[in-house]
Protein backbone atom coordinates (compact mmCIF):
# COMPACT_ATOMS: atom_id res chain seq x y z
CA UNK A 1 81.32 100.02 91.32
CA UNK A 2 78.11 98.00 91.38
CA UNK A 3 77.83 94.20 91.16
CA UNK A 4 78.05 93.16 87.53
CA UNK A 5 79.30 89.59 87.53
CA UNK A 6 79.14 86.31 89.36
CA UNK A 7 82.63 85.39 88.13
CA UNK A 8 85.08 83.61 90.38
CA UNK A 9 88.36 85.56 90.17
CA UNK A 10 91.80 84.35 91.25
CA UNK A 11 94.50 86.97 91.69
CA UNK A 12 98.06 85.67 91.45
CA UNK A 13 100.36 87.82 93.56
CA UNK A 14 99.72 90.02 96.57
CA UNK A 15 101.53 93.25 95.80
CA UNK A 16 99.69 96.57 95.92
CA UNK A 17 98.32 95.99 92.41
CA UNK A 18 96.84 92.63 93.33
CA UNK A 19 95.48 93.86 96.66
CA UNK A 20 93.90 96.90 94.99
CA UNK A 21 92.28 94.80 92.26
CA UNK A 22 91.00 92.39 94.92
CA UNK A 23 89.35 95.20 96.89
CA UNK A 24 87.69 96.78 93.86
CA UNK A 25 86.40 93.43 92.57
CA UNK A 26 85.13 92.26 95.94
CA UNK A 27 83.39 95.58 96.44
CA UNK A 28 81.53 94.88 93.17
CA UNK A 29 80.27 91.56 94.49
CA UNK A 30 82.88 89.31 92.88
CA UNK A 31 84.16 86.18 94.63
CA UNK A 32 87.91 86.90 94.93
CA UNK A 33 90.76 84.68 96.07
CA UNK A 34 94.31 86.08 96.20
CA UNK A 35 97.25 83.67 96.10
CA UNK A 36 100.64 84.87 97.33
CA UNK A 37 103.88 82.93 96.96
CA UNK A 38 105.58 84.36 100.07
CA UNK A 39 104.64 84.27 103.74
CA UNK A 40 103.24 87.80 103.68
CA UNK A 41 101.47 90.00 101.16
CA UNK A 42 102.70 93.39 99.98
CA UNK A 43 105.07 92.20 97.28
CA UNK A 44 108.22 94.28 97.41
CA UNK A 45 106.62 96.20 100.28
CA UNK A 46 107.33 93.30 102.65
CA UNK A 47 108.58 93.61 106.19
CA UNK A 48 111.69 92.11 107.74
CA UNK A 49 111.61 91.56 111.50
CA UNK A 50 114.76 90.70 113.45
CA UNK A 51 115.41 90.97 117.20
CA UNK A 52 113.04 93.89 117.77
CA UNK A 53 113.87 95.71 114.51
CA UNK A 54 111.13 96.09 111.88
CA UNK A 55 112.33 97.05 108.40
CA UNK A 56 110.36 98.07 105.34
CA UNK A 57 112.14 95.86 102.81
CA UNK A 58 111.23 97.88 99.74
CA UNK A 59 109.34 101.16 99.25
CA UNK A 60 109.72 103.55 102.17
CA UNK A 61 108.59 106.95 100.81
CA UNK A 62 104.94 107.93 101.24
CA UNK A 63 104.31 110.32 98.35
CA UNK A 64 101.19 111.50 96.50
CA UNK A 65 98.85 111.26 99.52
CA UNK A 66 95.77 112.10 97.44
CA UNK A 67 96.12 108.76 95.61
CA UNK A 68 95.71 106.89 98.90
CA UNK A 69 92.82 109.15 99.91
CA UNK A 70 91.13 108.42 96.59
CA UNK A 71 91.69 104.67 96.95
CA UNK A 72 90.15 104.37 100.41
CA UNK A 73 87.31 106.75 99.52
CA UNK A 74 86.07 104.21 96.94
CA UNK A 75 85.09 102.03 99.90
CA UNK A 76 83.70 104.68 102.22
CA UNK A 77 86.94 105.03 104.18
CA UNK A 78 89.83 107.41 104.54
CA UNK A 79 93.46 106.66 105.39
CA UNK A 80 92.93 107.97 108.92
CA UNK A 81 90.66 104.99 109.61
CA UNK A 82 93.83 102.89 109.50
CA UNK A 83 96.88 105.11 109.95
CA UNK A 84 97.96 108.66 110.72
CA UNK A 85 100.37 110.64 108.56
CA UNK A 86 103.30 112.67 109.86
CA UNK A 87 104.81 115.09 107.38
CA UNK A 88 108.57 114.84 107.50
CA UNK A 89 110.65 117.97 107.95
CA UNK A 90 113.11 117.97 106.41
CA UNK A 91 111.61 115.91 103.63
CA UNK A 92 115.10 114.52 103.19
CA UNK A 93 118.78 115.41 103.49
CA UNK A 94 121.35 115.26 100.70
CA UNK A 95 125.11 114.81 101.00
CA UNK A 96 126.95 115.73 97.80
CA UNK A 97 130.23 113.87 98.08
CA UNK A 98 133.58 114.76 96.50
CA UNK A 99 132.31 118.28 96.27
CA UNK A 100 133.01 121.83 97.36
CA UNK A 101 131.40 122.08 100.78
CA UNK A 102 129.54 125.31 101.31
CA UNK A 103 127.07 126.24 104.01
CA UNK A 104 124.21 128.60 103.19
CA UNK A 105 126.03 131.47 104.91
CA UNK A 106 129.24 130.75 102.97
CA UNK A 107 127.34 130.65 99.70
CA UNK A 108 125.58 133.97 100.40
CA UNK A 109 128.74 135.71 101.63
CA UNK A 110 130.89 134.56 98.72
CA UNK A 111 133.46 132.89 100.99
CA UNK A 112 135.90 130.60 99.24
CA UNK A 113 134.61 126.99 99.51
CA UNK A 114 136.57 124.18 101.09
CA UNK A 115 136.96 120.76 99.54
CA UNK A 116 134.73 118.18 101.19
CA UNK A 117 131.07 117.18 101.42
CA UNK A 118 128.21 119.58 100.76
CA UNK A 119 125.15 118.92 102.95
CA UNK A 120 121.67 120.32 102.32
CA UNK A 121 118.23 119.81 103.81
CA UNK A 122 115.15 119.82 101.59
CA UNK A 123 112.59 121.49 103.81
CA UNK A 124 108.84 121.07 104.13
CA UNK A 125 108.76 124.86 103.68
CA UNK A 126 108.79 125.76 99.99
CA UNK A 127 110.19 129.25 100.61
CA UNK A 128 113.20 127.76 102.40
CA UNK A 129 113.82 125.53 99.40
CA UNK A 130 113.53 128.53 97.10
CA UNK A 131 116.20 130.31 99.15
CA UNK A 132 118.37 127.19 99.02
CA UNK A 133 118.21 127.14 95.23
CA UNK A 134 119.02 130.85 95.03
CA UNK A 135 122.06 130.36 97.30
CA UNK A 136 123.56 128.01 94.71
CA UNK A 137 122.80 129.99 91.57
CA UNK A 138 121.66 133.56 91.03
CA UNK A 139 118.14 133.48 89.61
CA UNK A 140 117.58 129.85 90.58
CA UNK A 141 114.94 130.82 93.14
CA UNK A 142 112.72 132.26 90.42
CA UNK A 143 113.58 129.32 88.14
CA UNK A 144 112.53 127.01 90.99
CA UNK A 145 109.11 128.67 91.07
CA UNK A 146 108.77 128.36 87.30
CA UNK A 147 109.90 124.74 87.35
CA UNK A 148 107.36 123.80 90.01
CA UNK A 149 104.58 125.62 88.19
CA UNK A 150 105.30 123.49 85.11
CA UNK A 151 105.61 120.40 87.26
CA UNK A 152 102.24 121.04 88.89
CA UNK A 153 100.56 121.63 85.54
CA UNK A 154 102.00 118.39 84.13
CA UNK A 155 101.08 116.50 87.28
CA UNK A 156 97.45 117.62 87.40
CA UNK A 157 96.88 117.19 83.67
CA UNK A 158 98.57 113.79 83.55
CA UNK A 159 96.82 112.43 86.61
CA UNK A 160 93.40 113.49 85.35
CA UNK A 161 93.81 112.43 81.73
CA UNK A 162 96.33 109.58 81.76
CA UNK A 163 96.82 108.09 85.22
CA UNK A 164 93.33 107.89 86.72
CA UNK A 165 91.69 107.34 83.34
CA UNK A 166 91.86 103.77 82.08
CA UNK A 167 92.81 103.82 78.39
CA UNK A 168 93.12 100.22 77.15
CA UNK A 169 93.42 100.86 73.39
CA UNK A 170 95.38 103.12 71.07
CA UNK A 171 92.12 104.81 70.13
CA UNK A 172 91.72 105.83 73.77
CA UNK A 173 95.14 107.48 73.73
CA UNK A 174 94.36 109.58 70.66
CA UNK A 175 90.99 110.69 72.01
CA UNK A 176 90.24 114.12 70.43
CA UNK A 177 89.12 115.41 73.84
CA UNK A 178 92.75 115.27 74.96
CA UNK A 179 93.66 117.81 72.30
CA UNK A 180 91.31 120.32 73.92
CA UNK A 181 93.14 120.02 77.24
CA UNK A 182 96.52 120.46 75.60
CA UNK A 183 97.66 117.19 77.17
CA UNK A 184 99.26 115.92 73.98
CA UNK A 185 101.27 119.11 73.78
CA UNK A 186 103.12 118.45 77.02
CA UNK A 187 106.89 118.11 76.84
CA UNK A 188 106.86 114.37 76.44
CA UNK A 189 109.51 113.63 73.84
CA UNK A 190 112.52 115.39 75.36
CA UNK A 191 114.62 113.91 78.15
CA UNK A 192 114.51 115.00 81.76
CA UNK A 193 118.14 116.10 81.48
CA UNK A 194 117.40 118.49 78.62
CA UNK A 195 114.30 119.81 80.36
CA UNK A 196 116.04 120.47 83.68
CA UNK A 197 118.97 122.21 81.97
CA UNK A 198 116.49 124.79 80.66
CA UNK A 199 115.98 125.91 84.28
CA UNK A 200 119.20 125.27 86.21
CA UNK A 201 122.88 125.33 85.30
CA UNK A 202 124.16 124.12 88.66
CA UNK A 203 124.58 120.33 88.61
CA UNK A 204 123.54 119.94 92.23
CA UNK A 205 120.26 121.73 91.61
CA UNK A 206 119.70 119.53 88.59
CA UNK A 207 120.20 116.47 90.77
CA UNK A 208 117.82 117.72 93.46
CA UNK A 209 114.94 117.94 90.98
CA UNK A 210 115.92 114.68 89.26
CA UNK A 211 116.51 112.30 92.17
CA UNK A 212 112.87 111.12 92.00
CA UNK A 213 113.78 109.35 88.75
CA UNK A 214 115.07 106.61 91.04
CA UNK A 215 111.42 105.91 91.87
CA UNK A 216 110.72 105.49 88.15
CA UNK A 217 113.70 103.24 87.51
CA UNK A 218 115.35 105.53 84.98
CA UNK A 219 118.12 108.05 84.44
CA UNK A 220 117.97 111.74 83.44
CA UNK A 221 118.91 110.78 79.88
CA UNK A 222 116.34 108.02 79.27
CA UNK A 223 113.30 109.32 81.18
CA UNK A 224 110.81 111.58 79.33
CA UNK A 225 110.51 115.18 80.51
CA UNK A 226 106.85 114.67 81.40
CA UNK A 227 108.04 113.04 84.61
CA UNK A 228 109.09 116.42 85.94
CA UNK A 229 105.62 116.04 87.47
CA UNK A 230 107.31 114.14 90.31
CA UNK A 231 108.78 117.39 91.63
CA UNK A 232 105.24 118.59 92.36
CA UNK A 233 104.70 115.41 94.38
CA UNK A 234 107.93 116.07 96.24
CA UNK A 235 108.09 119.81 96.90
CA UNK A 236 104.40 120.75 96.88
CA UNK A 237 102.49 117.68 98.10
CA UNK A 238 105.07 116.60 100.66
CA UNK A 239 106.78 113.50 102.06
CA UNK A 240 105.02 111.63 104.87
CA UNK A 241 105.40 108.71 107.24
CA UNK A 242 102.37 106.52 108.08
CA UNK A 243 101.80 105.38 111.68
CA UNK A 244 99.09 102.81 112.53
CA UNK A 245 96.09 104.35 114.26
CA UNK A 246 96.12 101.56 116.87
CA UNK A 247 99.87 101.67 117.50
CA UNK A 248 102.74 99.46 116.43
CA UNK A 249 105.41 99.81 113.74
CA UNK A 250 104.65 102.25 110.94
CA UNK A 251 106.04 102.73 107.45
CA UNK A 252 104.76 101.39 104.15
CA UNK A 253 104.12 98.08 105.90
CA UNK A 254 101.38 99.87 107.83
CA UNK A 255 99.76 100.79 104.50
CA UNK A 256 99.90 97.15 103.42
CA UNK A 257 98.19 96.21 106.69
CA UNK A 258 95.50 98.83 106.02
CA UNK A 259 94.72 97.48 102.54
CA UNK A 260 94.67 93.91 103.89
CA UNK A 261 92.22 94.96 106.62
CA UNK A 262 90.05 96.53 103.94
CA UNK A 263 90.26 93.39 101.78
CA UNK A 264 89.20 91.27 104.76
CA UNK A 265 86.29 93.61 105.38
CA UNK A 266 85.21 93.21 101.74
CA UNK A 267 85.38 89.42 101.87
CA UNK A 268 88.59 88.73 99.91
CA UNK A 269 90.18 85.35 100.63
CA UNK A 270 93.97 85.71 100.96
CA UNK A 271 96.22 82.65 100.94
CA UNK A 272 99.94 83.10 101.60
CA UNK A 273 102.72 80.51 101.13
CA UNK A 274 100.87 79.50 97.96
CA UNK A 275 103.12 79.60 94.90
CA UNK A 276 101.41 79.41 91.53
CA UNK A 277 103.32 77.27 89.02
CA UNK A 278 100.90 77.18 86.08
CA UNK A 279 98.15 79.32 84.53
CA UNK A 280 96.41 77.67 81.59
CA UNK A 281 93.27 78.65 79.73
CA UNK A 282 90.63 75.92 79.54
CA UNK A 283 87.45 75.71 77.51
CA UNK A 284 85.64 77.05 80.55
CA UNK A 285 87.78 79.29 82.73
CA UNK A 286 91.34 78.52 83.80
CA UNK A 287 93.48 75.91 85.44
CA UNK A 288 95.65 77.50 88.13
CA UNK A 289 98.04 75.01 89.70
CA UNK A 290 100.16 75.62 92.78
CA UNK A 291 103.49 74.19 93.92
CA UNK A 292 101.77 71.74 96.27
CA UNK A 293 99.76 70.27 93.38
CA UNK A 294 96.49 71.97 94.24
CA UNK A 295 94.42 72.95 91.21
CA UNK A 296 92.00 75.88 91.05
CA UNK A 297 89.38 76.48 88.35
CA UNK A 298 88.56 80.23 88.34
CA UNK A 299 86.60 81.98 85.62
CA UNK A 300 89.01 84.92 85.52
CA UNK A 301 92.69 85.38 86.42
CA UNK A 302 94.41 88.64 87.33
CA UNK A 303 98.20 88.25 87.41
CA UNK A 304 100.06 90.53 89.78
CA UNK A 305 103.21 88.46 89.47
CA UNK A 306 106.16 89.79 87.48
CA UNK A 307 104.64 90.17 83.99
CA UNK A 308 107.49 88.50 82.09
CA UNK A 309 107.60 85.65 84.60
CA UNK A 310 103.84 85.12 84.39
CA UNK A 311 103.90 84.89 80.60
CA UNK A 312 107.21 83.11 80.16
CA UNK A 313 107.15 80.65 83.06
CA UNK A 314 103.53 80.12 84.11
CA UNK A 315 101.74 80.07 80.76
CA UNK A 316 102.08 77.81 77.69
CA UNK A 317 103.74 79.35 74.62
CA UNK A 318 100.52 79.63 72.60
CA UNK A 319 98.90 81.76 75.32
CA UNK A 320 101.66 84.36 75.56
CA UNK A 321 101.45 87.85 74.08
CA UNK A 322 105.23 88.28 73.91
CA UNK A 323 108.20 86.05 73.23
CA UNK A 324 111.52 85.93 75.09
CA UNK A 325 113.11 88.36 72.63
CA UNK A 326 110.53 91.02 73.50
CA UNK A 327 111.25 90.79 77.21
CA UNK A 328 115.00 90.66 76.66
CA UNK A 329 114.78 93.89 74.64
CA UNK A 330 113.04 95.88 77.39
CA UNK A 331 114.81 98.44 79.57
CA UNK A 332 114.46 97.36 83.18
CA UNK A 333 114.58 99.49 86.27
CA UNK A 334 117.75 98.89 88.28
CA UNK A 335 118.15 96.18 90.83
CA UNK A 336 119.48 97.13 94.26
CA UNK A 337 121.98 96.14 96.89
CA UNK A 338 120.38 96.57 100.31
CA UNK A 339 121.76 96.42 103.82
CA UNK A 340 119.25 96.20 106.67
CA UNK A 341 121.09 97.28 109.80
CA UNK A 342 120.19 97.34 113.46
CA UNK A 343 122.64 99.75 115.09
CA UNK A 344 123.50 100.61 118.68
CA UNK A 345 123.00 104.28 119.52
CA UNK A 346 121.79 107.14 117.34
CA UNK A 347 122.82 108.66 114.01
CA UNK A 348 122.21 112.40 114.45
CA UNK A 349 123.99 113.19 111.18
CA UNK A 350 121.21 111.56 109.14
CA UNK A 351 117.57 112.47 108.50
CA UNK A 352 114.68 110.03 108.20
CA UNK A 353 115.46 110.01 104.45
CA UNK A 354 119.01 110.76 103.31
CA UNK A 355 120.56 110.69 99.82
CA UNK A 356 124.31 110.48 99.22
CA UNK A 357 125.18 111.58 95.69
CA UNK A 358 128.35 112.14 93.65
CA UNK A 359 128.38 115.57 92.04
CA UNK A 360 128.79 113.99 88.60
CA UNK A 361 126.46 111.02 88.44
CA UNK A 362 126.72 110.33 84.69
CA UNK A 363 129.29 107.60 85.25
CA UNK A 364 127.05 106.07 87.89
CA UNK A 365 124.08 105.83 85.51
CA UNK A 366 126.40 104.40 82.86
CA UNK A 367 127.24 101.61 85.31
CA UNK A 368 123.53 100.81 85.46
CA UNK A 369 122.25 101.28 81.90
CA UNK A 370 125.20 101.45 79.48
CA UNK A 371 128.06 99.27 80.73
CA UNK A 372 126.68 97.29 83.69
CA UNK A 373 129.09 97.00 86.62
CA UNK A 374 129.14 97.39 90.39
CA UNK A 375 129.48 101.20 90.73
CA UNK A 376 132.86 102.41 91.90
CA UNK A 377 131.42 105.70 93.16
CA UNK A 378 127.90 104.74 94.21
CA UNK A 379 124.87 106.90 94.78
CA UNK A 380 122.70 105.54 97.56
CA UNK A 381 119.78 106.14 99.87
CA UNK A 382 119.73 105.77 103.65
CA UNK A 383 116.46 105.33 105.55
CA UNK A 384 116.32 105.81 109.33
CA UNK A 385 112.64 105.34 110.29
CA UNK A 386 113.52 105.16 113.99
CA UNK A 387 114.04 108.94 113.73
CA UNK A 388 110.25 109.16 113.53
CA UNK A 389 108.97 105.84 114.88
CA UNK A 390 109.99 104.38 118.24
CA UNK A 391 108.36 101.03 117.40
CA UNK A 392 110.75 99.98 114.62
CA UNK A 393 113.83 99.53 116.84
CA UNK A 394 114.59 98.55 120.46
CA UNK A 395 115.24 101.39 122.86
CA UNK A 396 118.69 102.87 122.44
CA UNK A 397 119.06 101.54 118.90
CA UNK A 398 118.68 102.80 115.34
CA UNK A 399 116.83 101.14 112.47
CA UNK A 400 118.73 101.90 109.26
CA UNK A 401 118.79 100.51 105.78
CA UNK A 402 121.04 101.41 102.88
CA UNK A 403 119.86 101.01 99.27
CA UNK A 404 122.29 101.20 96.37
CA UNK A 405 120.68 101.06 92.88
CA UNK A 406 122.76 98.73 90.69
CA UNK A 407 122.45 97.16 87.27
CA UNK A 408 120.32 94.07 86.74
CA UNK A 409 121.87 90.71 85.86
CA UNK A 410 125.17 91.36 87.66
CA UNK A 411 126.78 88.39 89.35
CA UNK A 412 126.32 88.81 93.09
CA UNK A 413 128.14 85.97 94.87
CA UNK A 414 128.60 86.38 98.61
CA UNK A 415 132.25 87.35 98.25
CA UNK A 416 131.31 90.25 95.94
CA UNK A 417 128.45 91.32 98.19
CA UNK A 418 130.61 91.31 101.32
CA UNK A 419 133.26 93.38 99.58
CA UNK A 420 130.62 95.86 98.43
CA UNK A 421 129.08 95.94 101.87
CA UNK A 422 132.43 97.06 103.31
CA UNK A 423 132.73 99.67 100.54
CA UNK A 424 129.31 101.15 101.34
CA UNK A 425 129.94 101.31 105.08
CA UNK A 426 133.25 103.07 104.42
CA UNK A 427 131.55 105.47 102.00
CA UNK A 428 128.86 106.28 104.58
CA UNK A 429 131.54 107.03 107.17
CA UNK A 430 133.55 109.21 104.79
CA UNK A 431 130.66 111.23 103.39
CA UNK A 432 128.18 111.50 106.28
CA UNK A 433 130.45 111.11 109.30
CA UNK A 434 128.43 108.10 110.56
CA UNK A 435 130.62 105.20 111.71
CA UNK A 436 128.52 102.03 111.74
CA UNK A 437 130.88 99.05 111.55
CA UNK A 438 131.44 98.47 115.28
CA UNK A 439 127.83 99.26 116.26
CA UNK A 440 125.90 96.79 114.10
CA UNK A 441 123.89 94.24 116.08
CA UNK A 442 121.58 93.03 113.28
CA UNK A 443 122.51 92.78 109.61
CA UNK A 444 120.77 91.32 106.57
CA UNK A 445 121.64 91.67 102.88
CA UNK A 446 119.27 91.65 99.90
CA UNK A 447 120.38 91.90 96.30
CA UNK A 448 119.84 90.77 92.71
CA UNK A 449 119.54 87.09 93.55
CA UNK A 450 116.90 87.73 96.21
CA UNK A 451 114.81 89.90 93.90
CA UNK A 452 114.89 87.08 91.36
CA UNK A 453 114.15 84.31 93.85
CA UNK A 454 111.70 85.99 96.23
CA UNK A 455 109.72 87.98 93.66
CA UNK A 456 110.47 86.09 90.42
CA UNK A 457 111.77 89.45 89.21
CA UNK A 458 113.02 89.34 85.64
CA UNK A 459 116.78 89.96 85.53
CA UNK A 460 116.60 90.75 89.25
CA UNK A 461 114.98 94.16 88.70
CA UNK A 462 113.84 95.90 91.86
CA UNK A 463 110.76 97.48 90.24
CA UNK A 464 110.01 96.22 86.73
CA UNK A 465 110.11 98.21 83.51
CA UNK A 466 111.78 101.62 83.55
CA UNK A 467 109.79 104.63 82.36
CA UNK A 468 111.66 105.29 79.14
CA UNK A 469 109.85 106.93 76.22
CA UNK A 470 109.35 103.51 74.57
CA UNK A 471 107.90 102.17 77.82
CA UNK A 472 105.57 104.97 78.87
CA UNK A 473 101.75 105.12 78.70
CA UNK A 474 100.41 103.10 75.74
CA UNK A 475 103.85 101.55 75.18
CA UNK A 476 103.73 99.52 78.41
CA UNK A 477 102.36 95.95 78.34
CA UNK A 478 98.54 95.94 78.49
CA UNK A 479 96.34 95.17 81.47
CA UNK A 480 94.05 93.00 79.36
CA UNK A 481 95.75 90.08 77.60
CA UNK A 482 95.46 90.20 73.82
CA UNK A 483 96.12 86.45 73.61
CA UNK A 484 93.84 84.93 76.25
CA UNK A 485 90.27 85.84 77.10
CA UNK A 486 89.59 86.71 80.76
CA UNK A 487 93.28 87.06 81.63
CA UNK A 488 94.42 90.39 83.08
CA UNK A 489 97.59 91.88 84.52
CA UNK A 490 98.25 94.49 87.17
CA UNK A 491 101.27 96.01 88.86
CA UNK A 492 104.33 98.01 87.92
CA UNK A 493 104.76 96.58 84.42
CA UNK A 494 101.39 97.93 83.25
CA UNK A 495 99.98 101.44 83.13
CA UNK A 496 100.27 103.76 84.89
CA UNK A 497 103.65 102.39 86.04
CA UNK A 498 105.94 101.67 88.98
CA UNK A 499 105.62 102.82 92.57
CA UNK A 500 103.04 102.23 95.29
CA UNK A 501 100.56 104.94 94.18
CA UNK A 502 100.73 103.84 90.55
CA UNK A 503 100.20 100.16 91.33
CA UNK A 504 97.18 100.98 93.50
CA UNK A 505 95.70 102.68 90.44
CA UNK A 506 96.75 99.80 88.20
CA UNK A 507 94.70 97.44 90.38
CA UNK A 508 91.69 99.70 89.96
CA UNK A 509 92.14 99.64 86.18
CA UNK A 510 92.43 95.84 86.15
CA UNK A 511 89.21 95.53 88.14
CA UNK A 512 87.50 97.97 85.79
CA UNK A 513 88.57 95.87 82.81
CA UNK A 514 87.27 92.65 84.41
CA UNK A 515 83.93 94.21 85.26
CA UNK A 516 83.53 95.91 81.88
CA UNK A 517 84.04 92.62 80.05
CA UNK A 518 81.65 90.77 82.36
CA UNK A 519 78.65 93.01 81.79
């Protein structure tokens, strides 16, 4: 981008979307100030530090590495200027609980299975994964190849035509050039469940290629089939762990640090512990007021705060695009119950990333989307970064967090949380063989109330709007406000959607919109 405006821009919120927009705008010569409510930037990608343990509080999977390469290349850098990547192998481990346990040799020999837990590793080697699929279902190895070929085609076409390309109007989405690429003919309308069933009968194999829906905040029944593209990101592009080039704790927090260093280099002013309480359009520019009574007068505002919160709580009614009924009618990504645990000793049974899944997870998704309740048979994710990174835990200890997706708006009083905490620890012991209770030296909880209070997250969602058909692409709230001139939005509520790579791109789109309208 080249300098096109002398506008003074204030960005409200320091998640990846806000940081990305700040970098792109500053690189174009814009005077940018970023205001962050909390004591550190990164949004949900914050860090928690306790007694020598360093936890990524939110996102912990480094996927789609080319998105990060593309981001830093805009500024004459590459990720390696800030951090190194280690490809994880296995990418992750899965425990299927309440299942027929069968090793690969048992499956291939036809031995009678025993009741118990089925454990599989998803390898960095695609051929090993192909053999794994074939061991569960005759012909599934070839189906795996076909599935990934479709996934790659959808990924590459979608990224080129929908994700990287900023399309602010309906006219942009019905661009005749898209017809020539066949993009509009992709399997968009069907559900992921129906699409996956065309390839695999085995429920476990279906789950393996669908687990990434957790990153999109949806279920197999409400997420469009186009998102099979995530399997290309998983199996073909790989799962990585970032480590700072100059040492210290790694993880997604290291990526936040890298983007902050870049923002500093570009001249962005970042102010933390600065909560914005009002955004109001004035005859010339905006009034942005903070909790301490300070008033700013920028020409342009980019809101990286929760979209519904920004409109409903920070702006006057006549400047909102949507009313409360609109936001109440949206489908939100789940919230989460998280346990951050510092543990004595090691956990050899677990991988860096581990998923624990019931064989039939329909009831679990019903507990999230259909009849909200604390799941009786939870699916959950365990992250053990100390498997890869010695700097995130004291010597002789393990850094571990457990994340259980749960419905939004559930009551989560301490009594309920403590009871659920005990349930999860018991479930971990039963299904992975890891006994944690008597080894915990550091423990912190984070749940619906914290998402609402720390991030102003509507209904306590952990990510924002789910990627249902009615909330995909042009159906997501716009980056450019239709009600207020010079007001823009970025982050997981807008296009292209939720997740660290997508919000980085969203920030680029927001900056592009600002600069286009300032020419």
